[in-house]
Amino acid sequence: MIVDLRSDTVTQPTVPMREAMMRAPVGDDVYGEDPTVLELESTVADVLGFEAAVFTPSGTMANQLAISLQTRPGDSVLAEEGTHAYIYESGAAAMLSQVQFDLMPMSQSWDSKVIAQTVRPDMLQTSPTTLAIVENTHTLGLGRALSPQTTATIVSTLKPYGLKLHCDGARLWNASTAMGCTPKELTRGFDTAAVCFSKGLGAPVGSALCGSKDLIAKSRKQRRRWGGGMRQAGILAAGALYGLKHHLKLIPDDHRRLTMLADGLKDLAQKGRPIRCELPPISTNILYFSITTPKVDPKQFVQDCAAKGVKMTWMGAGRDGLARFRAVTHLDVTDAGIAHALTVLESVLKPI
């Protein structure tokens, strides 16, 4: 058995999803003539509470379009440390939009006093802050989900500064599921929002950027400039539509299995295994854990687990200097897979 816990992007499209993709009516999306893409864009805009949406090949492109269209070269972007658009998008914001980031400590992020100290005014000698990015859930924040109450407070705190607000909701489906709310309750007050269809929904490709009709119209030309103009993209959009219609309701199982994994890791710690599990107050599908002894080589640990059929990601050292790992549950992970992963971890890690 192979249990791939590296990311929720590794899912394979199901047979019914493949069939939906094969049957999808298509047209030339650059000409705005692909009916399946148009249906997806209309659907996701409605689900998130925006006027319009544009289908993009990746979440990185969706985020970078939001940055490019809502800043000027030389501006600053406000975000939390560890934000995906800063850490995991290959420096795209600096290269494509010529902006810099001002990062707030995650432990104090979105605190009104910290925001006041971090936002840069538009003065002769400053790089003015014009955009804030709120990631929900936060990839490096243990998969932390923000509630509608929290996002509403963030929006009301930031708006007086005159900033544009972007929600990086690559895993917004997980956040809304964990909070028991609709996705649009988490994007209310934002100028733009991005969502991913391969994370959580199991589609093979695709994200979307939502916003006003005017901004999304401008985004299509920028998408074209960056090589994101697609032709018969309805084949891909059909996978995303299928995920929205049929896989969104399965996300609670991903969260339940993550809890199973966390409980199992805590049991291993009780048995003397050098492991410590980290979860936010409300967990979703991301779990971080640390090996509490320097005697275990993290690279070898990952290799030993993979050799026994369990794949995870080594995230480097945490703030405490301990080796840190990430496990992500998704559509292709079953109850039996979680049980197998725990058996493998128990066999690889020796008691101390």
Protein backbone atom coordinates (compact mmCIF):
# COMPACT_ATOMS: atom_id res chain seq x y z
CA MET A 1 0.00 0.00 0.00
CA ILE A 2 1.22 3.49 -0.92
CA VAL A 3 -0.03 6.33 1.30
CA ASP A 4 1.02 9.70 -0.11
CA LEU A 5 0.71 12.37 2.57
CA ARG A 6 3.00 14.92 0.94
CA SER A 7 0.19 17.17 -0.31
CA ASP A 8 -3.45 17.24 -1.36
CA THR A 9 -2.24 18.06 -4.87
CA VAL A 10 -1.16 14.46 -5.51
CA THR A 11 -4.71 13.12 -5.90
CA GLN A 12 -5.63 11.18 -9.01
CA PRO A 13 -8.86 12.14 -10.81
CA THR A 14 -11.56 9.55 -10.21
CA VAL A 15 -13.12 7.56 -13.03
CA PRO A 16 -16.37 9.61 -12.93
CA MET A 17 -14.30 12.83 -12.99
CA ARG A 18 -12.34 11.57 -16.01
CA GLU A 19 -15.61 10.70 -17.74
CA ALA A 20 -16.99 14.18 -17.05
CA MET A 21 -13.81 15.69 -18.53
CA MET A 22 -14.06 13.48 -21.61
CA ARG A 23 -17.69 14.49 -22.25
CA ALA A 24 -17.20 18.22 -21.58
CA PRO A 25 -18.35 20.61 -24.33
CA VAL A 26 -15.40 22.82 -25.24
CA GLY A 27 -14.45 25.89 -27.25
CA ASP A 28 -11.59 28.37 -27.50
CA ASP A 29 -11.26 29.96 -24.07
CA VAL A 30 -9.03 32.79 -25.33
CA TYR A 31 -12.01 33.86 -27.44
CA GLY A 32 -14.27 33.37 -24.44
CA GLU A 33 -16.08 30.54 -26.23
CA ASP A 34 -15.54 27.54 -23.96
CA PRO A 35 -18.93 26.77 -22.38
CA THR A 36 -17.51 24.57 -19.62
CA VAL A 37 -14.96 27.20 -18.57
CA LEU A 38 -17.70 29.84 -18.59
CA GLU A 39 -19.89 27.61 -16.40
CA LEU A 40 -17.05 27.03 -13.95
CA GLU A 41 -16.19 30.73 -13.73
CA SER A 42 -19.83 31.68 -13.18
CA THR A 43 -20.29 28.95 -10.58
CA VAL A 44 -17.20 29.74 -8.53
CA ALA A 45 -17.88 33.51 -8.63
CA ASP A 46 -21.35 32.84 -7.23
CA VAL A 47 -20.06 30.42 -4.58
CA LEU A 48 -17.53 32.97 -3.34
CA GLY A 49 -19.83 35.99 -3.66
CA PHE A 50 -18.07 37.93 -6.44
CA GLU A 51 -19.18 39.43 -9.74
CA ALA A 52 -16.81 37.40 -11.92
CA ALA A 53 -14.00 34.86 -12.00
CA VAL A 54 -11.20 33.78 -14.33
CA PHE A 55 -9.91 30.21 -14.65
CA THR A 56 -6.14 29.91 -14.24
CA PRO A 57 -3.74 26.99 -14.68
CA SER A 58 -2.38 27.38 -11.15
CA GLY A 59 -2.91 28.98 -7.77
CA THR A 60 0.35 30.84 -8.19
CA MET A 61 -0.98 32.55 -11.30
CA ALA A 62 -4.24 33.44 -9.53
CA ASN A 63 -2.37 35.00 -6.61
CA GLN A 64 0.08 36.83 -8.85
CA LEU A 65 -2.70 38.24 -10.99
CA ALA A 66 -4.31 39.60 -7.83
CA ILE A 67 -1.03 41.21 -6.78
CA SER A 68 -0.23 42.64 -10.21
CA LEU A 69 -3.65 44.17 -10.73
CA GLN A 70 -3.90 45.74 -7.27
CA THR A 71 -0.43 47.21 -6.78
CA ARG A 72 2.10 49.41 -8.56
CA PRO A 73 5.82 48.74 -8.98
CA GLY A 74 7.55 49.81 -5.78
CA ASP A 75 4.56 49.15 -3.52
CA SER A 76 4.55 46.97 -0.40
CA VAL A 77 2.30 44.00 0.30
CA LEU A 78 1.25 43.20 3.86
CA ALA A 79 1.08 39.51 4.82
CA GLU A 80 1.85 36.98 7.52
CA GLU A 81 5.23 35.29 7.70
CA GLY A 82 5.13 32.02 5.79
CA THR A 83 2.53 33.32 3.34
CA HIS A 84 2.42 31.16 0.21
CA ALA A 85 2.66 34.11 -2.20
CA TYR A 86 5.92 35.11 -0.51
CA ILE A 87 7.52 31.75 0.32
CA TYR A 88 6.38 29.29 -2.33
CA GLU A 89 5.85 31.25 -5.54
CA SER A 90 9.47 31.56 -6.68
CA GLY A 91 9.77 35.28 -6.04
CA ALA A 92 7.08 35.98 -8.63
CA ALA A 93 5.73 39.09 -6.91
CA ALA A 94 9.16 40.74 -6.96
CA MET A 95 9.88 39.67 -10.52
CA LEU A 96 6.50 40.21 -12.17
CA SER A 97 4.96 43.05 -10.16
CA GLN A 98 8.11 44.63 -8.65
CA VAL A 99 6.67 44.78 -5.14
CA GLN A 100 8.11 43.94 -1.75
CA PHE A 101 6.54 42.18 1.23
CA ASP A 102 6.21 43.36 4.81
CA LEU A 103 5.62 40.29 6.99
CA MET A 104 3.95 40.14 10.38
CA PRO A 105 4.88 37.46 12.93
CA MET A 106 2.32 34.67 12.76
CA SER A 107 1.82 34.77 16.51
CA GLN A 108 0.77 38.42 16.29
CA SER A 109 -0.60 38.63 12.78
CA TRP A 110 -3.64 40.79 12.08
CA ASP A 111 -3.42 42.36 15.52
CA SER A 112 -4.50 45.98 15.12
CA LYS A 113 -1.36 47.34 16.84
CA VAL A 114 0.93 45.18 14.68
CA ILE A 115 -0.91 46.28 11.54
CA ALA A 116 -0.54 49.93 12.54
CA GLN A 117 3.19 49.43 13.03
CA THR A 118 3.66 47.53 9.76
CA VAL A 119 1.54 49.38 7.18
CA ARG A 120 3.72 51.85 5.30
CA PRO A 121 2.25 55.30 4.53
CA ASP A 122 2.56 56.84 1.07
CA MET A 123 5.47 59.20 1.71
CA LEU A 124 8.39 60.34 -0.41
CA GLN A 125 10.85 57.95 1.17
CA THR A 126 8.59 54.92 1.67
CA SER A 127 7.26 51.97 -0.29
CA PRO A 128 3.55 52.41 0.43
CA THR A 129 1.45 49.44 1.47
CA THR A 130 -1.37 49.02 -1.05
CA LEU A 131 -2.40 45.36 -0.71
CA ALA A 132 -2.87 42.86 2.11
CA ILE A 133 -2.97 39.09 1.56
CA VAL A 134 -4.84 36.87 3.99
CA GLU A 135 -4.21 33.13 3.56
CA ASN A 136 -7.03 30.80 4.64
CA THR A 137 -6.09 28.13 5.49
CA HIS A 138 -2.48 29.04 6.22
CA THR A 139 -0.09 26.46 4.77
CA LEU A 140 2.70 27.02 7.30
CA GLY A 141 0.31 27.98 10.09
CA LEU A 142 -0.40 24.30 10.84
CA GLY A 143 -3.32 24.42 8.41
CA ARG A 144 -4.99 27.06 10.56
CA ALA A 145 -8.49 28.04 9.45
CA LEU A 146 -9.84 31.54 10.00
CA SER A 147 -13.50 31.92 11.00
CA PRO A 148 -16.00 34.34 9.44
CA GLN A 149 -15.78 36.42 12.62
CA THR A 150 -11.98 36.58 12.38
CA THR A 151 -11.95 37.46 8.68
CA ALA A 152 -14.60 40.14 9.28
CA THR A 153 -12.41 41.65 12.00
CA ILE A 154 -9.36 41.56 9.71
CA VAL A 155 -11.31 43.28 6.92
CA SER A 156 -12.68 45.98 9.24
CA THR A 157 -9.20 46.60 10.67
CA LEU A 158 -7.50 46.89 7.28
CA LYS A 159 -10.09 48.85 5.30
CA PRO A 160 -9.43 52.23 7.03
CA TYR A 161 -5.89 52.08 5.63
CA GLY A 162 -7.25 52.14 2.09
CA LEU A 163 -5.68 48.80 1.20
CA LYS A 164 -6.93 46.32 -1.37
CA LEU A 165 -7.57 42.93 0.23
CA HIS A 166 -6.82 39.56 -1.34
CA CYS A 167 -7.81 36.21 0.15
CA ASP A 168 -5.49 33.39 -0.83
CA GLY A 169 -8.07 30.66 -0.37
CA ALA A 170 -6.24 27.79 -2.00
CA ARG A 171 -7.75 25.63 0.75
CA LEU A 172 -10.80 27.79 1.42
CA TRP A 173 -12.94 24.67 0.89
CA ASN A 174 -11.25 23.15 3.95
CA ALA A 175 -11.64 26.33 5.97
CA SER A 176 -15.36 26.68 5.26
CA THR A 177 -15.90 22.98 6.02
CA ALA A 178 -14.04 23.21 9.32
CA MET A 179 -15.96 26.34 10.30
CA GLY A 180 -19.35 25.04 9.17
CA CYS A 181 -19.94 28.11 7.00
CA THR A 182 -20.23 28.92 3.31
CA PRO A 183 -17.11 29.97 1.37
CA LYS A 184 -18.60 33.40 0.65
CA GLU A 185 -18.81 34.08 4.39
CA LEU A 186 -15.00 33.86 4.44
CA THR A 187 -14.44 36.13 1.43
CA ARG A 188 -16.91 38.87 2.38
CA GLY A 189 -15.24 42.29 2.24
CA PHE A 190 -12.27 41.14 0.15
CA ASP A 191 -11.55 42.71 -3.22
CA THR A 192 -10.28 39.45 -4.69
CA ALA A 193 -10.06 35.80 -3.72
CA ALA A 194 -8.27 32.81 -5.19
CA VAL A 195 -9.31 29.18 -4.82
CA CYS A 196 -7.68 25.94 -5.94
CA PHE A 197 -9.51 22.97 -7.46
CA SER A 198 -6.71 20.41 -7.11
CA LYS A 199 -6.44 20.94 -3.34
CA GLY A 200 -9.39 19.43 -1.53
CA LEU A 201 -11.53 18.82 -4.62
CA GLY A 202 -9.22 16.39 -6.42
CA ALA A 203 -9.22 18.04 -9.85
CA PRO A 204 -6.05 17.46 -11.89
CA VAL A 205 -5.43 21.14 -12.74
CA GLY A 206 -6.71 24.59 -12.04
CA SER A 207 -7.49 27.53 -9.80
CA ALA A 208 -9.63 30.64 -10.14
CA LEU A 209 -9.33 34.31 -9.27
CA CYS A 210 -12.56 36.07 -8.28
CA GLY A 211 -13.22 39.79 -8.19
CA SER A 212 -15.16 42.61 -9.81
CA LYS A 213 -16.13 42.40 -13.48
CA ASP A 214 -13.68 45.17 -14.34
CA LEU A 215 -10.74 43.58 -12.53
CA ILE A 216 -11.40 40.12 -13.96
CA ALA A 217 -11.64 41.60 -17.47
CA LYS A 218 -8.20 43.14 -16.95
CA SER A 219 -6.89 39.87 -15.53
CA ARG A 220 -7.57 38.04 -18.80
CA LYS A 221 -5.08 40.20 -20.67
CA GLN A 222 -2.49 39.78 -17.93
CA ARG A 223 -3.11 36.03 -17.89
CA ARG A 224 -2.48 36.07 -21.65
CA ARG A 225 0.78 38.01 -21.20
CA TRP A 226 2.01 35.41 -18.72
CA GLY A 227 1.23 32.50 -21.02
CA GLY A 228 -1.98 31.45 -19.29
CA GLY A 229 -4.30 31.85 -22.26
CA MET A 230 -5.78 28.39 -22.80
CA ARG A 231 -7.75 26.99 -25.71
CA GLN A 232 -10.11 24.02 -25.19
CA ALA A 233 -9.68 24.35 -21.44
CA GLY A 234 -13.15 22.99 -20.75
CA ILE A 235 -11.60 19.55 -20.43
CA LEU A 236 -9.76 20.85 -17.35
CA ALA A 237 -12.64 23.00 -16.12
CA ALA A 238 -14.93 19.96 -16.18
CA GLY A 239 -12.72 18.27 -13.59
CA ALA A 240 -12.99 21.34 -11.35
CA LEU A 241 -16.77 21.48 -11.81
CA TYR A 242 -17.07 17.80 -10.96
CA GLY A 243 -15.04 18.38 -7.80
CA LEU A 244 -17.29 21.26 -6.74
CA LYS A 245 -20.43 19.21 -7.32
CA HIS A 246 -19.32 15.85 -5.91
CA HIS A 247 -16.13 16.11 -3.83
CA LEU A 248 -16.79 19.17 -1.68
CA LYS A 249 -19.06 17.07 0.53
CA LEU A 250 -16.22 14.55 1.10
CA ILE A 251 -13.86 17.05 2.77
CA PRO A 252 -15.15 16.22 6.29
CA ASP A 253 -13.66 12.74 5.80
CA ASP A 254 -10.25 14.29 5.10
CA HIS A 255 -10.50 16.24 8.35
CA ARG A 256 -11.66 13.19 10.29
CA ARG A 257 -8.72 11.17 8.99
CA LEU A 258 -6.31 13.92 9.97
CA THR A 259 -7.66 13.69 13.51
CA MET A 260 -7.12 9.91 13.36
CA LEU A 261 -3.53 10.50 12.33
CA ALA A 262 -2.95 13.10 15.06
CA ASP A 263 -4.44 10.84 17.72
CA GLY A 264 -2.26 7.98 16.49
CA LEU A 265 0.89 10.11 16.67
CA LYS A 266 0.02 11.12 20.23
CA ASP A 267 -0.36 7.42 21.09
CA LEU A 268 3.08 6.74 19.61
CA ALA A 269 4.52 9.50 21.79
CA GLN A 270 2.94 7.81 24.81
CA LYS A 271 4.69 4.61 23.76
CA GLY A 272 8.03 6.37 23.91
CA ARG A 273 8.49 7.31 20.26
CA PRO A 274 10.36 10.64 19.88
CA ILE A 275 7.50 12.46 18.19
CA ARG A 276 5.47 15.58 18.92
CA CYS A 277 2.31 16.50 17.06
CA GLU A 278 1.20 20.06 16.28
CA LEU A 279 -2.39 21.05 15.48
CA PRO A 280 -4.16 24.42 15.44
CA PRO A 281 -7.28 24.90 17.64
CA ILE A 282 -9.48 23.94 14.67
CA SER A 283 -7.70 21.48 12.40
CA THR A 284 -8.33 20.83 8.72
CA ASN A 285 -6.28 18.49 6.55
CA ILE A 286 -2.72 19.57 7.41
CA LEU A 287 -0.67 18.21 10.28
CA TYR A 288 2.86 19.08 11.39
CA PHE A 289 4.91 16.92 13.69
CA SER A 290 8.45 17.04 15.02
CA ILE A 291 11.04 14.40 15.84
CA THR A 292 12.19 15.28 19.34
CA THR A 293 15.69 13.80 19.17
CA PRO A 294 18.64 14.85 17.00
CA LYS A 295 19.61 11.18 16.73
CA VAL A 296 17.09 10.68 13.91
CA ASP A 297 18.33 11.87 10.52
CA PRO A 298 15.28 13.57 8.93
CA LYS A 299 16.26 12.76 5.35
CA GLN A 300 16.80 9.11 6.21
CA PHE A 301 13.53 9.07 8.17
CA VAL A 302 11.59 10.24 5.10
CA GLN A 303 13.36 7.68 2.93
CA ASP A 304 12.69 4.84 5.38
CA CYS A 305 9.00 5.72 5.55
CA ALA A 306 8.76 5.97 1.76
CA ALA A 307 10.42 2.58 1.39
CA LYS A 308 7.55 1.15 3.44
CA GLY A 309 4.90 2.96 1.42
CA VAL A 310 4.35 6.21 3.35
CA LYS A 311 5.35 9.53 1.79
CA MET A 312 5.63 12.73 3.81
CA THR A 313 7.40 16.07 3.51
CA TRP A 314 10.40 17.16 5.56
CA MET A 315 9.91 20.89 6.20
CA GLY A 316 13.34 21.61 7.67
CA ALA A 317 13.89 22.74 11.24
CA GLY A 318 11.21 24.42 13.34
CA ARG A 319 11.82 27.38 15.63
CA ASP A 320 12.91 24.93 18.31
CA GLY A 321 15.56 23.47 16.01
CA LEU A 322 13.82 20.10 15.77
CA ALA A 323 13.19 18.37 12.45
CA ARG A 324 9.66 19.16 11.29
CA PHE A 325 7.45 17.17 8.95
CA ARG A 326 4.12 17.70 7.22
CA ALA A 327 1.33 15.25 6.45
CA VAL A 328 -1.75 16.17 4.41
CA THR A 329 -4.91 14.11 4.06
CA HIS A 330 -6.94 14.12 0.84
CA LEU A 331 -9.35 12.15 -1.34
CA ASP A 332 -6.88 9.33 -2.00
CA VAL A 333 -6.16 8.67 1.69
CA THR A 334 -8.41 6.09 3.35
CA ASP A 335 -8.91 4.92 6.92
CA ALA A 336 -6.77 1.90 6.06
CA GLY A 337 -4.11 4.25 4.73
CA ILE A 338 -3.98 6.16 8.01
CA ALA A 339 -3.67 2.90 9.93
CA HIS A 340 -0.85 1.80 7.63
CA ALA A 341 0.95 5.14 8.04
CA LEU A 342 0.85 4.83 11.81
CA THR A 343 2.16 1.26 11.66
CA VAL A 344 5.05 2.37 9.47
CA LEU A 345 5.88 5.32 11.72
CA GLU A 346 5.90 3.06 14.74
CA SER A 347 8.26 0.63 13.03
CA VAL A 348 10.64 3.30 11.72
CA LEU A 349 10.87 5.33 14.93
CA LYS A 350 12.51 3.47 17.77
CA PRO A 351 11.63 4.25 21.42
CA ILE A 352 14.00 6.51 23.33
